[in-house]
Amino acid sequence: VLKILWFVFKLLWRVLRLVAVILSLTIGFAWRQTLGRSNVYVRRDWNDRGLGRVRWADL
């Protein structure tokens, strides 16, 4: 009986760890998309060699 319980516990623990890793990866990706890349570098004009910094919300 103890072996079966131990096996079930190990299986649950691995599933929980896998779910935690997947959640952290997806939340981290979404966080980078919204906040990490909040500044975008764009050409200010067609003949301007410089780059201007613009927020995603302003595009």
PDB file of N, CA and C in Angstrom:
ATOM      1  N   VAL A   1       0.841  -1.199   0.000  1.00  0.00           N
ATOM      2  CA  VAL A   1       0.000   0.000   0.000  1.00  0.00           C
ATOM      3  C   VAL A   1       0.873   1.244   0.000  1.00  0.00           C
ATOM      4  N   LEU A   2       1.945   1.217   0.783  1.00  0.00           N
ATOM      5  CA  LEU A   2       2.812   2.394   0.842  1.00  0.00           C
ATOM      6  C   LEU A   2       3.494   2.659  -0.491  1.00  0.00           C
ATOM      7  N   LYS A   3       3.855   1.585  -1.193  1.00  0.00           N
ATOM      8  CA  LYS A   3       4.506   1.778  -2.494  1.00  0.00           C
ATOM      9  C   LYS A   3       3.560   2.446  -3.484  1.00  0.00           C
ATOM     10  N   ILE A   4       2.296   2.052  -3.454  1.00  0.00           N
ATOM     11  CA  ILE A   4       1.318   2.652  -4.368  1.00  0.00           C
ATOM     12  C   ILE A   4       1.130   4.129  -4.027  1.00  0.00           C
ATOM     13  N   LEU A   5       1.003   4.428  -2.732  1.00  0.00           N
ATOM     14  CA  LEU A   5       0.848   5.825  -2.323  1.00  0.00           C
ATOM     15  C   LEU A   5       2.073   6.645  -2.708  1.00  0.00           C
ATOM     16  N   TRP A   6       3.255   6.086  -2.512  1.00  0.00           N
ATOM     17  CA  TRP A   6       4.483   6.803  -2.862  1.00  0.00           C
ATOM     18  C   TRP A   6       4.551   7.064  -4.365  1.00  0.00           C
ATOM     19  N   PHE A   7       4.143   6.064  -5.161  1.00  0.00           N
ATOM     20  CA  PHE A   7       4.140   6.233  -6.614  1.00  0.00           C
ATOM     21  C   PHE A   7       3.162   7.332  -7.035  1.00  0.00           C
ATOM     22  N   VAL A   8       1.973   7.334  -6.444  1.00  0.00           N
ATOM     23  CA  VAL A   8       0.977   8.361  -6.766  1.00  0.00           C
ATOM     24  C   VAL A   8       1.494   9.734  -6.364  1.00  0.00           C
ATOM     25  N   PHE A   9       2.126   9.819  -5.200  1.00  0.00           N
ATOM     26  CA  PHE A   9       2.657  11.097  -4.738  1.00  0.00           C
ATOM     27  C   PHE A   9       3.739  11.608  -5.682  1.00  0.00           C
ATOM     28  N   LYS A  10       4.644  10.724  -6.101  1.00  0.00           N
ATOM     29  CA  LYS A  10       5.708  11.134  -7.023  1.00  0.00           C
ATOM     30  C   LYS A  10       5.128  11.596  -8.355  1.00  0.00           C
ATOM     31  N   LEU A  11       4.120  10.871  -8.833  1.00  0.00           N
ATOM     32  CA  LEU A  11       3.500  11.242 -10.103  1.00  0.00           C
ATOM     33  C   LEU A  11       2.837  12.617 -10.001  1.00  0.00           C
ATOM     34  N   LEU A  12       2.105  12.848  -8.928  1.00  0.00           N
ATOM     35  CA  LEU A  12       1.470  14.152  -8.731  1.00  0.00           C
ATOM     36  C   LEU A  12       2.511  15.259  -8.632  1.00  0.00           C
ATOM     37  N   TRP A  13       3.599  15.001  -7.928  1.00  0.00           N
ATOM     38  CA  TRP A  13       4.649  16.000  -7.759  1.00  0.00           C
ATOM     39  C   TRP A  13       5.266  16.373  -9.103  1.00  0.00           C
ATOM     40  N   ARG A  14       5.508  15.372  -9.950  1.00  0.00           N
ATOM     41  CA  ARG A  14       6.085  15.661 -11.271  1.00  0.00           C
ATOM     42  C   ARG A  14       5.118  16.452 -12.134  1.00  0.00           C
ATOM     43  N   VAL A  15       3.837  16.100 -12.079  1.00  0.00           N
ATOM     44  CA  VAL A  15       2.843  16.830 -12.869  1.00  0.00           C
ATOM     45  C   VAL A  15       2.760  18.276 -12.395  1.00  0.00           C
ATOM     46  N   LEU A  16       2.775  18.486 -11.086  1.00  0.00           N
ATOM     47  CA  LEU A  16       2.719  19.850 -10.555  1.00  0.00           C
ATOM     48  C   LEU A  16       3.939  20.653 -10.977  1.00  0.00           C
ATOM     49  N   ARG A  17       5.116  20.038 -10.937  1.00  0.00           N
ATOM     50  CA  ARG A  17       6.325  20.753 -11.358  1.00  0.00           C
ATOM     51  C   ARG A  17       6.266  21.105 -12.832  1.00  0.00           C
ATOM     52  N   LEU A  18       5.760  20.185 -13.649  1.00  0.00           N
ATOM     53  CA  LEU A  18       5.643  20.458 -15.081  1.00  0.00           C
ATOM     54  C   LEU A  18       4.670  21.608 -15.341  1.00  0.00           C
ATOM     55  N   VAL A  19       3.535  21.594 -14.647  1.00  0.00           N
ATOM     56  CA  VAL A  19       2.561  22.674 -14.808  1.00  0.00           C
ATOM     57  C   VAL A  19       3.165  24.001 -14.366  1.00  0.00           C
ATOM     58  N   ALA A  20       3.927  23.989 -13.281  1.00  0.00           N
ATOM     59  CA  ALA A  20       4.548  25.226 -12.804  1.00  0.00           C
ATOM     60  C   ALA A  20       5.539  25.772 -13.824  1.00  0.00           C
ATOM     61  N   VAL A  21       6.317  24.899 -14.436  1.00  0.00           N
ATOM     62  CA  VAL A  21       7.287  25.354 -15.444  1.00  0.00           C
ATOM     63  C   VAL A  21       6.565  25.930 -16.653  1.00  0.00           C
ATOM     64  N   ILE A  22       5.525  25.255 -17.109  1.00  0.00           N
ATOM     65  CA  ILE A  22       4.786  25.745 -18.283  1.00  0.00           C
ATOM     66  C   ILE A  22       4.137  27.087 -17.972  1.00  0.00           C
ATOM     67  N   LEU A  23       3.548  27.213 -16.788  1.00  0.00           N
ATOM     68  CA  LEU A  23       2.918  28.480 -16.421  1.00  0.00           C
ATOM     69  C   LEU A  23       3.943  29.602 -16.338  1.00  0.00           C
ATOM     70  N   SER A  24       5.097  29.335 -15.744  1.00  0.00           N
ATOM     71  CA  SER A  24       6.102  30.392 -15.616  1.00  0.00           C
ATOM     72  C   SER A  24       6.619  30.810 -16.986  1.00  0.00           C
ATOM     73  N   LEU A  25       6.761  29.847 -17.899  1.00  0.00           N
ATOM     74  CA  LEU A  25       7.225  30.201 -19.242  1.00  0.00           C
ATOM     75  C   LEU A  25       6.198  31.051 -19.977  1.00  0.00           C
ATOM     76  N   THR A  26       4.925  30.670 -19.908  1.00  0.00           N
ATOM     77  CA  THR A  26       3.913  31.431 -20.644  1.00  0.00           C
ATOM     78  C   THR A  26       3.719  32.812 -20.031  1.00  0.00           C
ATOM     79  N   ILE A  27       3.714  32.895 -18.696  1.00  0.00           N
ATOM     80  CA  ILE A  27       3.548  34.201 -18.057  1.00  0.00           C
ATOM     81  C   ILE A  27       4.760  35.076 -18.343  1.00  0.00           C
ATOM     82  N   GLY A  28       5.949  34.480 -18.329  1.00  0.00           N
ATOM     83  CA  GLY A  28       7.145  35.255 -18.649  1.00  0.00           C
ATOM     84  C   GLY A  28       7.127  35.759 -20.079  1.00  0.00           C
ATOM     85  N   PHE A  29       6.642  34.939 -21.004  1.00  0.00           N
ATOM     86  CA  PHE A  29       6.570  35.366 -22.402  1.00  0.00           C
ATOM     87  C   PHE A  29       5.581  36.514 -22.565  1.00  0.00           C
ATOM     88  N   ALA A  30       4.409  36.388 -21.936  1.00  0.00           N
ATOM     89  CA  ALA A  30       3.415  37.455 -22.033  1.00  0.00           C
ATOM     90  C   ALA A  30       3.927  38.736 -21.379  1.00  0.00           C
ATOM     91  N   TRP A  31       4.652  38.585 -20.267  1.00  0.00           N
ATOM     92  CA  TRP A  31       5.206  39.746 -19.570  1.00  0.00           C
ATOM     93  C   TRP A  31       6.213  40.466 -20.461  1.00  0.00           C
ATOM     94  N   ARG A  32       7.057  39.710 -21.160  1.00  0.00           N
ATOM     95  CA  ARG A  32       8.020  40.333 -22.075  1.00  0.00           C
ATOM     96  C   ARG A  32       7.313  41.021 -23.224  1.00  0.00           C
ATOM     97  N   GLN A  33       6.247  40.424 -23.725  1.00  0.00           N
ATOM     98  CA  GLN A  33       5.539  41.025 -24.854  1.00  0.00           C
ATOM     99  C   GLN A  33       4.918  42.358 -24.464  1.00  0.00           C
ATOM    100  N   THR A  34       4.399  42.467 -23.262  1.00  0.00           N
ATOM    101  CA  THR A  34       3.686  43.687 -22.885  1.00  0.00           C
ATOM    102  C   THR A  34       4.608  44.725 -22.265  1.00  0.00           C
ATOM    103  N   LEU A  35       5.458  44.311 -21.329  1.00  0.00           N
ATOM    104  CA  LEU A  35       6.255  45.293 -20.596  1.00  0.00           C
ATOM    105  C   LEU A  35       7.705  45.338 -21.043  1.00  0.00           C
ATOM    106  N   GLY A  36       8.287  44.195 -21.323  1.00  0.00           N
ATOM    107  CA  GLY A  36       9.699  44.183 -21.687  1.00  0.00           C
ATOM    108  C   GLY A  36       9.968  44.890 -22.996  1.00  0.00           C
ATOM    109  N   ARG A  37       9.028  44.786 -23.924  1.00  0.00           N
ATOM    110  CA  ARG A  37       9.197  45.440 -25.208  1.00  0.00           C
ATOM    111  C   ARG A  37       8.295  46.649 -25.306  1.00  0.00           C
ATOM    112  N   SER A  38       8.199  47.438 -24.238  1.00  0.00           N
ATOM    113  CA  SER A  38       7.295  48.578 -24.265  1.00  0.00           C
ATOM    114  C   SER A  38       7.834  49.693 -25.151  1.00  0.00           C
ATOM    115  N   ASN A  39       9.164  49.750 -25.347  1.00  0.00           N
ATOM    116  CA  ASN A  39       9.746  50.766 -26.210  1.00  0.00           C
ATOM    117  C   ASN A  39      10.139  50.145 -27.540  1.00  0.00           C
ATOM    118  N   VAL A  40       9.727  50.795 -28.608  1.00  0.00           N
ATOM    119  CA  VAL A  40      10.043  50.326 -29.951  1.00  0.00           C
ATOM    120  C   VAL A  40      10.853  51.407 -30.638  1.00  0.00           C
ATOM    121  N   TYR A  41      11.885  50.998 -31.349  1.00  0.00           N
ATOM    122  CA  TYR A  41      12.691  51.958 -32.090  1.00  0.00           C
ATOM    123  C   TYR A  41      12.201  52.001 -33.534  1.00  0.00           C
ATOM    124  N   VAL A  42      11.800  53.190 -33.981  1.00  0.00           N
ATOM    125  CA  VAL A  42      11.273  53.337 -35.335  1.00  0.00           C
ATOM    126  C   VAL A  42      12.014  54.456 -36.044  1.00  0.00           C
ATOM    127  N   ARG A  43      12.001  54.408 -37.370  1.00  0.00           N
ATOM    128  CA  ARG A  43      12.530  55.514 -38.161  1.00  0.00           C
ATOM    129  C   ARG A  43      11.566  56.681 -38.029  1.00  0.00           C
ATOM    130  N   ARG A  44      12.082  57.871 -37.713  1.00  0.00           N
ATOM    131  CA  ARG A  44      11.204  59.014 -37.495  1.00  0.00           C
ATOM    132  C   ARG A  44      10.625  59.545 -38.799  1.00  0.00           C
ATOM    133  N   ASP A  45      11.405  59.481 -39.867  1.00  0.00           N
ATOM    134  CA  ASP A  45      10.930  59.991 -41.144  1.00  0.00           C
ATOM    135  C   ASP A  45      11.584  59.179 -42.248  1.00  0.00           C
ATOM    136  N   TRP A  46      11.105  59.330 -43.461  1.00  0.00           N
ATOM    137  CA  TRP A  46      11.631  58.500 -44.542  1.00  0.00           C
ATOM    138  C   TRP A  46      13.079  58.849 -44.851  1.00  0.00           C
ATOM    139  N   ASN A  47      13.488  60.110 -44.643  1.00  0.00           N
ATOM    140  CA  ASN A  47      14.858  60.499 -44.959  1.00  0.00           C
ATOM    141  C   ASN A  47      15.696  60.711 -43.704  1.00  0.00           C
ATOM    142  N   ASP A  48      15.174  60.291 -42.563  1.00  0.00           N
ATOM    143  CA  ASP A  48      15.884  60.503 -41.300  1.00  0.00           C
ATOM    144  C   ASP A  48      16.628  59.224 -40.940  1.00  0.00           C
ATOM    145  N   ARG A  49      17.933  59.351 -40.771  1.00  0.00           N
ATOM    146  CA  ARG A  49      18.727  58.164 -40.413  1.00  0.00           C
ATOM    147  C   ARG A  49      18.568  57.800 -38.937  1.00  0.00           C
ATOM    148  N   GLY A  50      18.123  58.739 -38.125  1.00  0.00           N
ATOM    149  CA  GLY A  50      18.021  58.488 -36.689  1.00  0.00           C
ATOM    150  C   GLY A  50      16.842  57.596 -36.335  1.00  0.00           C
ATOM    151  N   LEU A  51      16.906  57.074 -35.142  1.00  0.00           N
ATOM    152  CA  LEU A  51      15.843  56.216 -34.645  1.00  0.00           C
ATOM    153  C   LEU A  51      15.139  56.916 -33.497  1.00  0.00           C
ATOM    154  N   GLY A  52      13.827  56.862 -33.514  1.00  0.00           N
ATOM    155  CA  GLY A  52      13.050  57.426 -32.424  1.00  0.00           C
ATOM    156  C   GLY A  52      12.449  56.328 -31.577  1.00  0.00           C
ATOM    157  N   ARG A  53      12.309  56.622 -30.305  1.00  0.00           N
ATOM    158  CA  ARG A  53      11.752  55.624 -29.396  1.00  0.00           C
ATOM    159  C   ARG A  53      10.265  55.897 -29.204  1.00  0.00           C
ATOM    160  N   VAL A  54       9.458  54.881 -29.466  1.00  0.00           N
ATOM    161  CA  VAL A  54       8.008  55.015 -29.386  1.00  0.00           C
ATOM    162  C   VAL A  54       7.474  53.865 -28.547  1.00  0.00           C
ATOM    163  N   ARG A  55       6.467  54.142 -27.734  1.00  0.00           N
ATOM    164  CA  ARG A  55       5.844  53.076 -26.956  1.00  0.00           C
ATOM    165  C   ARG A  55       4.873  52.297 -27.822  1.00  0.00           C
ATOM    166  N   TRP A  56       4.627  51.043 -27.440  1.00  0.00           N
ATOM    167  CA  TRP A  56       3.679  50.209 -28.180  1.00  0.00           C
ATOM    168  C   TRP A  56       2.298  50.846 -28.201  1.00  0.00           C
ATOM    169  N   ALA A  57       1.915  51.498 -27.099  1.00  0.00           N
ATOM    170  CA  ALA A  57       0.574  52.077 -27.024  1.00  0.00           C
ATOM    171  C   ALA A  57       0.406  53.229 -28.006  1.00  0.00           C
ATOM    172  N   ASP A  58       1.497  53.877 -28.401  1.00  0.00           N
ATOM    173  CA  ASP A  58       1.400  55.027 -29.300  1.00  0.00           C
ATOM    174  C   ASP A  58       1.420  54.639 -30.764  1.00  0.00           C
ATOM    175  N   LEU A  59       1.673  53.383 -31.071  1.00  0.00           N
ATOM    176  CA  LEU A  59       1.735  52.984 -32.476  1.00  0.00           C
ATOM    177  C   LEU A  59       0.341  52.770 -33.047  1.00  0.00           C
TER     178      LEU A  59
END
